[in-house]
PDB file of N, CA and C in Angstrom:
ATOM      1  N   MET A   1       0.820  -1.197  -0.016  1.00  0.00           N
ATOM      2  CA  MET A   1       0.008  -0.006  -0.023  1.00  0.00           C
ATOM      3  C   MET A   1       0.900   1.260  -0.010  1.00  0.00           C
ATOM      4  N   ILE A   2       0.481   2.246  -0.732  1.00  0.00           N
ATOM      5  CA  ILE A   2       1.229   3.500  -0.805  1.00  0.00           C
ATOM      6  C   ILE A   2       0.951   4.317   0.437  1.00  0.00           C
ATOM      7  N   ASP A   3       2.055   4.881   0.984  1.00  0.00           N
ATOM      8  CA  ASP A   3       1.886   5.752   2.183  1.00  0.00           C
ATOM      9  C   ASP A   3       1.115   6.990   1.798  1.00  0.00           C
ATOM     10  N   ASP A   4       0.299   7.443   2.740  1.00  0.00           N
ATOM     11  CA  ASP A   4      -0.416   8.689   2.523  1.00  0.00           C
ATOM     12  C   ASP A   4       0.562   9.843   2.512  1.00  0.00           C
ATOM     13  N   ILE A   5       0.333  10.794   1.641  1.00  0.00           N
ATOM     14  CA  ILE A   5       1.194  11.972   1.523  1.00  0.00           C
ATOM     15  C   ILE A   5       0.442  13.199   2.099  1.00  0.00           C
ATOM     16  N   ASP A   6       1.124  13.869   3.017  1.00  0.00           N
ATOM     17  CA  ASP A   6       0.544  15.088   3.548  1.00  0.00           C
ATOM     18  C   ASP A   6       0.908  16.218   2.581  1.00  0.00           C
ATOM     19  N   ILE A   7       0.011  16.559   1.705  1.00  0.00           N
ATOM     20  CA  ILE A   7       0.277  17.560   0.650  1.00  0.00           C
ATOM     21  C   ILE A   7       0.643  18.897   1.227  1.00  0.00           C
ATOM     22  N   LEU A   8      -0.052  19.337   2.292  1.00  0.00           N
ATOM     23  CA  LEU A   8       0.254  20.609   2.909  1.00  0.00           C
ATOM     24  C   LEU A   8       1.672  20.645   3.452  1.00  0.00           C
ATOM     25  N   THR A   9       2.069  19.590   4.159  1.00  0.00           N
ATOM     26  CA  THR A   9       3.429  19.540   4.707  1.00  0.00           C
ATOM     27  C   THR A   9       4.453  19.544   3.609  1.00  0.00           C
ATOM     28  N   LEU A  10       4.180  18.760   2.540  1.00  0.00           N
ATOM     29  CA  LEU A  10       5.113  18.669   1.418  1.00  0.00           C
ATOM     30  C   LEU A  10       5.236  20.028   0.708  1.00  0.00           C
ATOM     31  N   SER A  11       4.113  20.715   0.522  1.00  0.00           N
ATOM     32  CA  SER A  11       4.171  22.026  -0.132  1.00  0.00           C
ATOM     33  C   SER A  11       4.944  23.085   0.732  1.00  0.00           C
ATOM     34  N   GLU A  12       4.779  22.983   2.047  1.00  0.00           N
ATOM     35  CA  GLU A  12       5.479  23.885   2.944  1.00  0.00           C
ATOM     36  C   GLU A  12       7.009  23.622   2.867  1.00  0.00           C
ATOM     37  N   GLU A  13       7.368  22.336   2.808  1.00  0.00           N
ATOM     38  CA  GLU A  13       8.766  21.928   2.723  1.00  0.00           C
ATOM     39  C   GLU A  13       9.375  22.464   1.410  1.00  0.00           C
ATOM     40  N   ILE A  14       8.635  22.289   0.307  1.00  0.00           N
ATOM     41  CA  ILE A  14       9.123  22.753  -1.005  1.00  0.00           C
ATOM     42  C   ILE A  14       9.260  24.246  -1.003  1.00  0.00           C
ATOM     43  N   GLU A  15       8.292  24.959  -0.450  1.00  0.00           N
ATOM     44  CA  GLU A  15       8.349  26.444  -0.360  1.00  0.00           C
ATOM     45  C   GLU A  15       9.569  26.883   0.448  1.00  0.00           C
ATOM     46  N   ARG A  16       9.785  26.238   1.602  1.00  0.00           N
ATOM     47  CA  ARG A  16      10.916  26.598   2.456  1.00  0.00           C
ATOM     48  C   ARG A  16      12.252  26.335   1.736  1.00  0.00           C
ATOM     49  N   ASP A  17      12.376  25.150   1.068  1.00  0.00           N
ATOM     50  CA  ASP A  17      13.592  24.803   0.361  1.00  0.00           C
ATOM     51  C   ASP A  17      13.803  25.756  -0.794  1.00  0.00           C
ATOM     52  N   SER A  18      12.736  26.171  -1.465  1.00  0.00           N
ATOM     53  CA  SER A  18      12.824  27.043  -2.591  1.00  0.00           C
ATOM     54  C   SER A  18      13.325  28.453  -2.132  1.00  0.00           C
ATOM     55  N   GLN A  19      12.744  28.946  -1.057  1.00  0.00           N
ATOM     56  CA  GLN A  19      13.128  30.246  -0.532  1.00  0.00           C
ATOM     57  C   GLN A  19      14.581  30.281  -0.049  1.00  0.00           C
ATOM     58  N   SER A  20      15.063  29.208   0.537  1.00  0.00           N
ATOM     59  CA  SER A  20      16.398  29.171   1.074  1.00  0.00           C
ATOM     60  C   SER A  20      17.461  28.851   0.041  1.00  0.00           C
ATOM     61  N   GLY A  21      17.032  28.447  -1.119  1.00  0.00           N
ATOM     62  CA  GLY A  21      18.013  28.058  -2.172  1.00  0.00           C
ATOM     63  C   GLY A  21      18.396  26.584  -2.111  1.00  0.00           C
ATOM     64  N   ALA A  22      17.894  25.854  -1.095  1.00  0.00           N
ATOM     65  CA  ALA A  22      18.250  24.447  -0.939  1.00  0.00           C
ATOM     66  C   ALA A  22      17.725  23.604  -2.083  1.00  0.00           C
ATOM     67  N   LEU A  23      16.530  23.911  -2.564  1.00  0.00           N
ATOM     68  CA  LEU A  23      15.957  23.132  -3.672  1.00  0.00           C
ATOM     69  C   LEU A  23      16.780  23.271  -4.956  1.00  0.00           C
ATOM     70  N   ARG A  24      17.213  24.518  -5.197  1.00  0.00           N
ATOM     71  CA  ARG A  24      18.067  24.813  -6.367  1.00  0.00           C
ATOM     72  C   ARG A  24      19.338  24.011  -6.294  1.00  0.00           C
ATOM     73  N   LYS A  25      19.985  24.007  -5.125  1.00  0.00           N
ATOM     74  CA  LYS A  25      21.254  23.307  -4.936  1.00  0.00           C
ATOM     75  C   LYS A  25      21.027  21.812  -5.107  1.00  0.00           C
ATOM     76  N   LYS A  26      19.964  21.284  -4.568  1.00  0.00           N
ATOM     77  CA  LYS A  26      19.682  19.853  -4.705  1.00  0.00           C
ATOM     78  C   LYS A  26      19.496  19.441  -6.155  1.00  0.00           C
ATOM     79  N   LEU A  27      18.763  20.252  -6.920  1.00  0.00           N
ATOM     80  CA  LEU A  27      18.506  19.954  -8.324  1.00  0.00           C
ATOM     81  C   LEU A  27      19.802  20.051  -9.110  1.00  0.00           C
ATOM     82  N   LEU A  28      20.639  21.056  -8.871  1.00  0.00           N
ATOM     83  CA  LEU A  28      21.867  21.200  -9.594  1.00  0.00           C
ATOM     84  C   LEU A  28      22.812  20.025  -9.278  1.00  0.00           C
ATOM     85  N   LYS A  29      22.866  19.616  -8.031  1.00  0.00           N
ATOM     86  CA  LYS A  29      23.746  18.485  -7.646  1.00  0.00           C
ATOM     87  C   LYS A  29      23.338  17.205  -8.337  1.00  0.00           C
ATOM     88  N   LYS A  30      22.026  17.096  -8.622  1.00  0.00           N
ATOM     89  CA  LYS A  30      21.518  15.893  -9.327  1.00  0.00           C
ATOM     90  C   LYS A  30      21.769  16.011 -10.857  1.00  0.00           C
ATOM     91  N   GLY A  31      22.396  17.109 -11.273  1.00  0.00           N
ATOM     92  CA  GLY A  31      22.687  17.269 -12.688  1.00  0.00           C
ATOM     93  C   GLY A  31      21.570  17.897 -13.519  1.00  0.00           C
ATOM     94  N   GLU A  32      20.579  18.437 -12.857  1.00  0.00           N
ATOM     95  CA  GLU A  32      19.479  19.111 -13.545  1.00  0.00           C
ATOM     96  C   GLU A  32      19.960  20.467 -14.103  1.00  0.00           C
ATOM     97  N   THR A  33      19.326  20.888 -15.129  1.00  0.00           N
ATOM     98  CA  THR A  33      19.546  22.210 -15.694  1.00  0.00           C
ATOM     99  C   THR A  33      18.339  23.088 -15.385  1.00  0.00           C
ATOM    100  N   LEU A  34      18.627  24.245 -14.846  1.00  0.00           N
ATOM    101  CA  LEU A  34      17.534  25.220 -14.457  1.00  0.00           C
ATOM    102  C   LEU A  34      17.479  26.344 -15.455  1.00  0.00           C
ATOM    103  N   TYR A  35      16.305  26.688 -15.846  1.00  0.00           N
ATOM    104  CA  TYR A  35      16.059  27.837 -16.783  1.00  0.00           C
ATOM    105  C   TYR A  35      15.194  28.859 -16.068  1.00  0.00           C
ATOM    106  N   GLY A  36      15.406  30.120 -16.357  1.00  0.00           N
ATOM    107  CA  GLY A  36      14.575  31.118 -15.751  1.00  0.00           C
ATOM    108  C   GLY A  36      14.739  32.480 -16.434  1.00  0.00           C
ATOM    109  N   VAL A  37      14.082  33.459 -15.882  1.00  0.00           N
ATOM    110  CA  VAL A  37      14.205  34.806 -16.426  1.00  0.00           C
ATOM    111  C   VAL A  37      15.499  35.420 -15.908  1.00  0.00           C
ATOM    112  N   ALA A  38      16.052  36.342 -16.675  1.00  0.00           N
ATOM    113  CA  ALA A  38      17.257  37.068 -16.311  1.00  0.00           C
ATOM    114  C   ALA A  38      16.832  38.507 -16.063  1.00  0.00           C
ATOM    115  N   PRO A  39      16.493  38.888 -14.830  1.00  0.00           N
ATOM    116  CA  PRO A  39      15.995  40.208 -14.574  1.00  0.00           C
ATOM    117  C   PRO A  39      16.907  41.369 -15.027  1.00  0.00           C
ATOM    118  N   ASP A  40      18.198  41.152 -14.928  1.00  0.00           N
ATOM    119  CA  ASP A  40      19.137  42.213 -15.369  1.00  0.00           C
ATOM    120  C   ASP A  40      19.353  42.226 -16.899  1.00  0.00           C
ATOM    121  N   PHE A  41      18.917  41.115 -17.542  1.00  0.00           N
ATOM    122  CA  PHE A  41      19.094  40.998 -19.023  1.00  0.00           C
ATOM    123  C   PHE A  41      17.812  40.456 -19.603  1.00  0.00           C
ATOM    124  N   PRO A  42      16.790  41.352 -19.714  1.00  0.00           N
ATOM    125  CA  PRO A  42      15.471  40.902 -20.119  1.00  0.00           C
ATOM    126  C   PRO A  42      15.338  40.293 -21.497  1.00  0.00           C
ATOM    127  N   ASP A  43      16.355  40.477 -22.367  1.00  0.00           N
ATOM    128  CA  ASP A  43      16.292  39.906 -23.677  1.00  0.00           C
ATOM    129  C   ASP A  43      16.828  38.479 -23.759  1.00  0.00           C
ATOM    130  N   TYR A  44      17.283  37.966 -22.594  1.00  0.00           N
ATOM    131  CA  TYR A  44      17.898  36.609 -22.556  1.00  0.00           C
ATOM    132  C   TYR A  44      17.155  35.721 -21.586  1.00  0.00           C
ATOM    133  N   ILE A  45      17.365  34.404 -21.778  1.00  0.00           N
ATOM    134  CA  ILE A  45      16.948  33.383 -20.862  1.00  0.00           C
ATOM    135  C   ILE A  45      18.195  32.988 -20.090  1.00  0.00           C
ATOM    136  N   GLU A  46      18.050  32.725 -18.815  1.00  0.00           N
ATOM    137  CA  GLU A  46      19.145  32.331 -17.959  1.00  0.00           C
ATOM    138  C   GLU A  46      19.145  30.798 -17.820  1.00  0.00           C
ATOM    139  N   ARG A  47      20.308  30.185 -18.005  1.00  0.00           N
ATOM    140  CA  ARG A  47      20.426  28.721 -17.841  1.00  0.00           C
ATOM    141  C   ARG A  47      21.494  28.488 -16.778  1.00  0.00           C
ATOM    142  N   GLU A  48      21.173  27.687 -15.784  1.00  0.00           N
ATOM    143  CA  GLU A  48      22.110  27.369 -14.693  1.00  0.00           C
ATOM    144  C   GLU A  48      22.365  25.860 -14.637  1.00  0.00           C
ATOM    145  N   THR A  49      23.659  25.541 -14.612  1.00  0.00           N
ATOM    146  CA  THR A  49      24.106  24.162 -14.471  1.00  0.00           C
ATOM    147  C   THR A  49      25.157  24.129 -13.369  1.00  0.00           C
ATOM    148  N   LEU A  50      25.690  22.931 -13.053  1.00  0.00           N
ATOM    149  CA  LEU A  50      26.794  22.837 -12.112  1.00  0.00           C
ATOM    150  C   LEU A  50      28.035  23.637 -12.614  1.00  0.00           C
ATOM    151  N   ASP A  51      28.122  23.792 -13.910  1.00  0.00           N
ATOM    152  CA  ASP A  51      29.296  24.499 -14.490  1.00  0.00           C
ATOM    153  C   ASP A  51      29.165  26.034 -14.407  1.00  0.00           C
ATOM    154  N   GLY A  52      27.952  26.535 -14.136  1.00  0.00           N
ATOM    155  CA  GLY A  52      27.787  27.964 -14.031  1.00  0.00           C
ATOM    156  C   GLY A  52      26.499  28.448 -14.656  1.00  0.00           C
ATOM    157  N   VAL A  53      26.478  29.752 -14.903  1.00  0.00           N
ATOM    158  CA  VAL A  53      25.277  30.401 -15.438  1.00  0.00           C
ATOM    159  C   VAL A  53      25.608  30.952 -16.816  1.00  0.00           C
ATOM    160  N   SER A  54      24.666  30.785 -17.717  1.00  0.00           N
ATOM    161  CA  SER A  54      24.807  31.410 -19.061  1.00  0.00           C
ATOM    162  C   SER A  54      23.520  32.056 -19.474  1.00  0.00           C
ATOM    163  N   LEU A  55      23.621  32.983 -20.380  1.00  0.00           N
ATOM    164  CA  LEU A  55      22.476  33.689 -20.939  1.00  0.00           C
ATOM    165  C   LEU A  55      22.377  33.343 -22.397  1.00  0.00           C
ATOM    166  N   GLY A  56      21.170  33.155 -22.904  1.00  0.00           N
ATOM    167  CA  GLY A  56      21.040  32.836 -24.314  1.00  0.00           C
ATOM    168  C   GLY A  56      19.561  32.870 -24.724  1.00  0.00           C
ATOM    169  N   HIS A  57      19.281  32.054 -25.764  1.00  0.00           N
ATOM    170  CA  HIS A  57      17.920  32.024 -26.307  1.00  0.00           C
ATOM    171  C   HIS A  57      17.657  30.653 -26.861  1.00  0.00           C
ATOM    172  N   TRP A  58      16.424  30.341 -27.191  1.00  0.00           N
ATOM    173  CA  TRP A  58      16.060  29.070 -27.830  1.00  0.00           C
ATOM    174  C   TRP A  58      16.102  29.252 -29.317  1.00  0.00           C
ATOM    175  N   GLU A  59      16.696  28.251 -29.965  1.00  0.00           N
ATOM    176  CA  GLU A  59      16.793  28.280 -31.440  1.00  0.00           C
ATOM    177  C   GLU A  59      16.604  26.829 -31.947  1.00  0.00           C
ATOM    178  N   ASN A  60      15.537  26.599 -32.702  1.00  0.00           N
ATOM    179  CA  ASN A  60      15.261  25.235 -33.220  1.00  0.00           C
ATOM    180  C   ASN A  60      15.191  24.211 -32.109  1.00  0.00           C
ATOM    181  N   GLY A  61      14.613  24.573 -30.988  1.00  0.00           N
ATOM    182  CA  GLY A  61      14.409  23.627 -29.878  1.00  0.00           C
ATOM    183  C   GLY A  61      15.659  23.405 -28.972  1.00  0.00           C
ATOM    184  N   ALA A  62      16.740  24.138 -29.232  1.00  0.00           N
ATOM    185  CA  ALA A  62      17.951  24.002 -28.442  1.00  0.00           C
ATOM    186  C   ALA A  62      18.335  25.350 -27.829  1.00  0.00           C
ATOM    187  N   PHE A  63      18.920  25.294 -26.614  1.00  0.00           N
ATOM    188  CA  PHE A  63      19.375  26.511 -25.965  1.00  0.00           C
ATOM    189  C   PHE A  63      20.708  26.921 -26.569  1.00  0.00           C
ATOM    190  N   VAL A  64      20.794  28.152 -27.024  1.00  0.00           N
ATOM    191  CA  VAL A  64      22.037  28.655 -27.607  1.00  0.00           C
ATOM    192  C   VAL A  64      22.610  29.696 -26.580  1.00  0.00           C
ATOM    193  N   ALA A  65      23.767  29.336 -25.933  1.00  0.00           N
ATOM    194  CA  ALA A  65      24.332  30.232 -24.986  1.00  0.00           C
ATOM    195  C   ALA A  65      25.105  31.376 -25.732  1.00  0.00           C
ATOM    196  N   GLU A  66      24.893  32.542 -25.259  1.00  0.00           N
ATOM    197  CA  GLU A  66      25.560  33.725 -25.861  1.00  0.00           C
ATOM    198  C   GLU A  66      26.553  34.373 -24.899  1.00  0.00           C
ATOM    199  N   ILE A  67      26.234  34.309 -23.612  1.00  0.00           N
ATOM    200  CA  ILE A  67      27.048  34.981 -22.591  1.00  0.00           C
ATOM    201  C   ILE A  67      27.190  34.019 -21.416  1.00  0.00           C
ATOM    202  N   CYS A  68      28.431  33.879 -20.888  1.00  0.00           N
ATOM    203  CA  CYS A  68      28.666  33.085 -19.695  1.00  0.00           C
ATOM    204  C   CYS A  68      28.880  34.081 -18.536  1.00  0.00           C
ATOM    205  N   LEU A  69      28.175  33.800 -17.420  1.00  0.00           N
ATOM    206  CA  LEU A  69      28.332  34.693 -16.255  1.00  0.00           C
ATOM    207  C   LEU A  69      29.175  34.009 -15.197  1.00  0.00           C
ATOM    208  N   ILE A  70      29.959  34.788 -14.471  1.00  0.00           N
ATOM    209  CA  ILE A  70      30.779  34.254 -13.366  1.00  0.00           C
ATOM    210  C   ILE A  70      30.040  34.614 -12.089  1.00  0.00           C
ATOM    211  N   GLU A  71      29.841  33.580 -11.244  1.00  0.00           N
ATOM    212  CA  GLU A  71      29.205  33.820  -9.953  1.00  0.00           C
ATOM    213  C   GLU A  71      30.165  33.611  -8.852  1.00  0.00           C
TER     214      GLU A  71
END
């Protein structure tokens, strides 16, 4: 039998981890690639990997990095 999941507790944990940056770190350590808005560079999409952050755009279904950022 599947254990019952307390959705409220789970959502609170995700919110807490998201706000603290822990969720981002966990995902990156697992090798995930994160995409988001680049507030300082509104014409670009931000891509974050374990190797760092780059700015670029989508072209033919692939991310094309144009600028690498140092953090």
